[in-house]
């Protein structure tokens, strides 16, 4: 990879060859007791109150980690084929099938974030990476993708924090250290621009006030005392040189 950039990596540990895959249907939802043998809804019992329908209160959605992994594999194929949207949809299906406590969800979220970066949907990419990191705080790829998204959003302080976390987790990576240095430089330049803008606004405000007295900030000169580090302010009616 060119100096100053993070090396590109595959979506996750294994990306199978591309195979043409038709659209994957969403997981079916089976509501026990919703109908009887004739297909009719069960009668509602109770004194003018809505009764619980066929045990609906105890119903839980169907999860299947095997189907989640199949959807992820399809997403990998779409990603290799540069079909970012269909890849993202496949990873979304994987998340639908995966149990809430499954560690595999971290990979699905991070992989979908990779697609969202390609689609230039940076805020959702940050959200997916953060969800992955909640499941696996040391997930380097999720940190790297979130740093990329933060940089695109001009949130350089956050990007630097993620880049530093990567450098700590992979202390031998020169690319990680170089990326930290690059982002820190961009952050410093941004802070300098913001400082100059703030000082410009303060100067305009000061001149607006002093203008009532026929003066401006240009009439004041600040001289640094090298021995103490403090500044001496002097007034010069004809303007500071």
Protein backbone atom coordinates (compact mmCIF):
# COMPACT_ATOMS: atom_id res chain seq x y z
CA UNK A 1 0.00 0.00 0.00
CA UNK A 2 1.21 3.61 -0.63
CA UNK A 3 2.83 5.31 2.37
CA UNK A 4 0.34 6.97 4.70
CA UNK A 5 -2.56 4.68 3.87
CA UNK A 6 -3.90 1.55 5.49
CA UNK A 7 -3.52 -1.56 3.36
CA UNK A 8 -6.77 -2.85 1.94
CA UNK A 9 -7.96 -6.13 3.33
CA UNK A 10 -10.65 -8.64 2.35
CA UNK A 11 -14.07 -8.47 3.90
CA UNK A 12 -13.31 -11.17 6.45
CA UNK A 13 -11.14 -14.23 6.93
CA UNK A 14 -12.52 -16.27 4.04
CA UNK A 15 -14.08 -15.00 0.82
CA UNK A 16 -15.21 -17.80 -1.49
CA UNK A 17 -15.23 -17.52 -5.27
CA UNK A 18 -18.04 -15.53 -6.81
CA UNK A 19 -21.16 -17.49 -7.68
CA UNK A 20 -24.29 -16.06 -9.23
CA UNK A 21 -26.86 -15.99 -6.45
CA UNK A 22 -30.49 -15.03 -6.71
CA UNK A 23 -32.08 -12.68 -4.21
CA UNK A 24 -32.29 -14.28 -0.80
CA UNK A 25 -35.69 -14.31 0.86
CA UNK A 26 -36.02 -12.86 4.37
CA UNK A 27 -36.34 -15.37 7.23
CA UNK A 28 -39.89 -16.65 7.56
CA UNK A 29 -41.75 -15.77 10.74
CA UNK A 30 -43.83 -18.60 12.15
CA UNK A 31 -46.39 -17.48 14.71
CA UNK A 32 -47.59 -20.53 16.64
CA UNK A 33 -51.32 -20.65 17.20
CA UNK A 34 -52.13 -17.78 14.86
CA UNK A 35 -54.56 -20.00 12.86
CA UNK A 36 -56.32 -23.31 13.36
CA UNK A 37 -56.53 -26.26 10.96
CA UNK A 38 -59.07 -24.44 8.77
CA UNK A 39 -56.88 -21.38 8.44
CA UNK A 40 -59.21 -19.28 10.57
CA UNK A 41 -57.96 -17.14 13.44
CA UNK A 42 -58.79 -18.50 16.91
CA UNK A 43 -61.64 -16.98 18.81
CA UNK A 44 -60.88 -14.23 21.33
CA UNK A 45 -62.14 -15.05 24.79
CA UNK A 46 -62.72 -12.77 27.73
CA UNK A 47 -65.17 -10.19 28.98
CA UNK A 48 -64.84 -7.56 26.26
CA UNK A 49 -61.07 -7.61 26.69
CA UNK A 50 -58.47 -8.55 24.07
CA UNK A 51 -57.19 -12.03 24.91
CA UNK A 52 -53.72 -13.29 24.10
CA UNK A 53 -53.77 -14.84 20.63
CA UNK A 54 -52.60 -18.45 20.59
CA UNK A 55 -49.63 -17.92 22.91
CA UNK A 56 -48.37 -14.88 20.96
CA UNK A 57 -46.93 -13.41 24.15
CA UNK A 58 -44.45 -16.27 24.48
CA UNK A 59 -43.53 -16.36 20.78
CA UNK A 60 -39.89 -15.81 19.90
CA UNK A 61 -38.42 -15.14 16.43
CA UNK A 62 -36.71 -17.97 14.62
CA UNK A 63 -32.91 -17.86 14.56
CA UNK A 64 -30.62 -20.08 12.52
CA UNK A 65 -26.86 -19.52 12.65
CA UNK A 66 -26.34 -21.90 9.72
CA UNK A 67 -28.57 -19.78 7.49
CA UNK A 68 -26.82 -16.67 8.79
CA UNK A 69 -23.48 -18.10 7.66
CA UNK A 70 -24.95 -18.96 4.24
CA UNK A 71 -26.15 -15.37 3.86
CA UNK A 72 -22.71 -14.10 4.86
CA UNK A 73 -21.08 -16.33 2.23
CA UNK A 74 -23.42 -14.89 -0.41
CA UNK A 75 -22.51 -11.40 0.79
CA UNK A 76 -18.82 -12.24 0.36
CA UNK A 77 -19.47 -13.32 -3.23
CA UNK A 78 -21.34 -10.11 -4.00
CA UNK A 79 -18.54 -8.09 -2.39
CA UNK A 80 -15.88 -9.78 -4.53
CA UNK A 81 -18.05 -8.96 -7.55
CA UNK A 82 -18.15 -5.29 -6.43
CA UNK A 83 -21.94 -5.48 -6.00
CA UNK A 84 -21.87 -3.44 -2.80
CA UNK A 85 -25.62 -3.03 -2.28
CA UNK A 86 -26.48 -6.72 -2.71
CA UNK A 87 -23.55 -7.59 -0.46
CA UNK A 88 -24.87 -5.22 2.21
CA UNK A 89 -28.35 -6.75 1.87
CA UNK A 90 -26.91 -10.24 2.31
CA UNK A 91 -25.08 -9.22 5.48
CA UNK A 92 -28.31 -7.65 6.72
CA UNK A 93 -30.04 -11.00 6.21
CA UNK A 94 -27.23 -12.71 8.11
CA UNK A 95 -27.91 -10.37 11.02
CA UNK A 96 -31.63 -11.22 10.84
CA UNK A 97 -30.89 -14.94 11.15
CA UNK A 98 -28.13 -14.70 13.77
CA UNK A 99 -29.07 -15.04 17.46
CA UNK A 100 -28.64 -11.77 19.41
CA UNK A 101 -25.77 -13.19 21.47
CA UNK A 102 -23.87 -14.78 18.55
CA UNK A 103 -20.27 -13.54 18.28
CA UNK A 104 -20.55 -13.94 14.50
CA UNK A 105 -22.68 -10.79 14.47
CA UNK A 106 -19.47 -8.77 14.88
CA UNK A 107 -18.25 -10.02 11.47
CA UNK A 108 -21.62 -9.37 9.82
CA UNK A 109 -21.72 -5.79 11.13
CA UNK A 110 -18.11 -5.12 10.11
CA UNK A 111 -18.64 -6.63 6.65
CA UNK A 112 -21.75 -4.52 6.10
CA UNK A 113 -19.73 -1.48 7.16
CA UNK A 114 -17.20 -2.31 4.42
CA UNK A 115 -20.05 -2.17 1.89
CA UNK A 116 -21.39 1.09 3.34
CA UNK A 117 -17.96 2.68 2.98
CA UNK A 118 -18.00 1.75 -0.72
CA UNK A 119 -21.51 3.21 -0.98
CA UNK A 120 -20.28 6.39 0.79
CA UNK A 121 -22.82 5.94 3.59
CA UNK A 122 -20.41 6.91 6.33
CA UNK A 123 -22.70 7.49 9.34
CA UNK A 124 -24.31 4.03 9.04
CA UNK A 125 -20.82 2.58 8.57
CA UNK A 126 -19.76 4.09 11.90
CA UNK A 127 -22.85 2.60 13.55
CA UNK A 128 -22.12 -0.88 12.16
CA UNK A 129 -18.48 -0.74 13.25
CA UNK A 130 -19.49 0.40 16.73
CA UNK A 131 -21.95 -2.50 16.96
CA UNK A 132 -19.17 -4.91 15.95
CA UNK A 133 -16.82 -3.43 18.55
CA UNK A 134 -19.42 -3.84 21.28
CA UNK A 135 -19.23 -7.57 20.59
CA UNK A 136 -15.45 -7.66 20.05
CA UNK A 137 -13.54 -4.64 21.38
CA UNK A 138 -10.29 -5.80 19.77
CA UNK A 139 -11.69 -6.27 16.26
CA UNK A 140 -8.99 -4.52 14.21
CA UNK A 141 -10.91 -4.48 10.92
CA UNK A 142 -13.91 -2.82 12.56
CA UNK A 143 -11.62 -0.20 14.12
CA UNK A 144 -9.96 0.43 10.76
CA UNK A 145 -13.26 0.80 8.93
CA UNK A 146 -14.64 3.12 11.60
CA UNK A 147 -11.48 5.25 11.39
CA UNK A 148 -12.00 5.53 7.61
CA UNK A 149 -15.62 6.56 8.10
CA UNK A 150 -14.71 9.12 10.76
CA UNK A 151 -12.08 10.62 8.46
CA UNK A 152 -14.63 10.95 5.65
CA UNK A 153 -16.99 12.68 8.11
CA UNK A 154 -14.12 15.05 9.12
CA UNK A 155 -14.25 13.69 12.68
CA UNK A 156 -10.48 13.53 12.89
CA UNK A 157 -10.19 13.31 16.68
CA UNK A 158 -12.28 10.13 16.63
CA UNK A 159 -10.35 8.79 13.64
CA UNK A 160 -7.04 9.33 15.46
CA UNK A 161 -8.37 7.50 18.53
CA UNK A 162 -9.30 4.44 16.45
CA UNK A 163 -6.00 4.53 14.56
CA UNK A 164 -4.07 4.61 17.84
CA UNK A 165 -6.11 1.66 19.13
CA UNK A 166 -5.11 -0.31 16.01
CA UNK A 167 -1.44 0.61 16.48
CA UNK A 168 -1.60 -0.63 20.09
CA UNK A 169 -3.24 -3.90 19.07
CA UNK A 170 -0.74 -4.43 16.23
CA UNK A 171 2.46 -2.89 17.58
CA UNK A 172 4.58 -4.39 14.77
CA UNK A 173 2.57 -2.76 11.96
CA UNK A 174 4.45 0.14 10.40
CA UNK A 175 1.38 0.98 8.30
CA UNK A 176 -0.70 1.44 11.48
CA UNK A 177 1.89 3.84 12.94
CA UNK A 178 2.13 5.76 9.67
CA UNK A 179 -1.66 6.12 9.59
CA UNK A 180 -1.65 7.54 13.12
CA UNK A 181 0.97 10.11 12.09
CA UNK A 182 -0.99 11.05 8.97
CA UNK A 183 -4.25 11.51 10.86
CA UNK A 184 -2.60 13.46 13.68
CA UNK A 185 -1.17 15.86 11.09
CA UNK A 186 -4.61 16.32 9.52
CA UNK A 187 -6.13 16.87 12.97
CA UNK A 188 -3.50 19.51 13.86
CA UNK A 189 -4.13 21.34 10.58
CA UNK A 190 -7.87 21.31 11.22
CA UNK A 191 -7.41 22.66 14.76
CA UNK A 192 -5.15 25.43 13.42
CA UNK A 193 -7.79 26.42 10.85
CA UNK A 194 -10.48 26.46 13.51
CA UNK A 195 -8.28 28.58 15.80
CA UNK A 196 -7.64 31.10 13.04
CA UNK A 197 -11.35 31.28 12.26
CA UNK A 198 -12.13 31.84 15.94
CA UNK A 199 -9.49 34.56 16.30
CA UNK A 200 -10.81 36.23 13.14
CA UNK A 201 -14.31 36.32 14.59
CA UNK A 202 -13.03 37.68 17.92
CA UNK A 203 -11.05 40.36 16.10
CA UNK A 204 -14.13 41.41 14.12
CA UNK A 205 -16.12 41.60 17.35
CA UNK A 206 -13.39 43.65 19.05
CA UNK A 207 -13.13 46.06 16.14
CA UNK A 208 -16.90 46.49 16.16
CA UNK A 209 -16.73 47.56 19.81
CA UNK A 210 -13.57 49.71 19.53
CA UNK A 211 -14.91 51.37 16.40
CA UNK A 212 -17.30 53.31 18.64
CA UNK A 213 -14.22 55.03 20.09
CA UNK A 214 -12.37 55.53 16.81
CA UNK A 215 -9.98 52.65 17.47
CA UNK A 216 -9.32 49.15 16.29
CA UNK A 217 -7.30 46.18 17.45
CA UNK A 218 -4.62 47.27 14.99
CA UNK A 219 -3.84 50.09 17.48
CA UNK A 220 -2.66 47.53 20.02
CA UNK A 221 0.64 45.68 19.84
CA UNK A 222 1.50 42.54 21.80
CA UNK A 223 5.18 42.03 22.62
CA UNK A 224 6.34 38.78 24.19
CA UNK A 225 8.71 38.91 27.14
CA UNK A 226 11.08 36.02 26.40
CA UNK A 227 12.27 35.85 30.00
CA UNK A 228 8.81 35.29 31.47
CA UNK A 229 6.79 34.14 28.47
CA UNK A 230 4.16 36.80 29.16
CA UNK A 231 2.98 39.49 26.76
CA UNK A 232 3.06 43.27 27.14
CA UNK A 233 0.25 45.17 25.42
CA UNK A 234 0.97 48.67 24.15
CA UNK A 235 -1.31 51.20 22.46
CA UNK A 236 -0.15 52.86 19.24
CA UNK A 237 -2.51 55.50 17.87
CA UNK A 238 -1.21 55.14 14.31
CA UNK A 239 -1.55 51.38 14.28
CA UNK A 240 0.87 48.60 15.20
CA UNK A 241 3.71 47.95 12.82
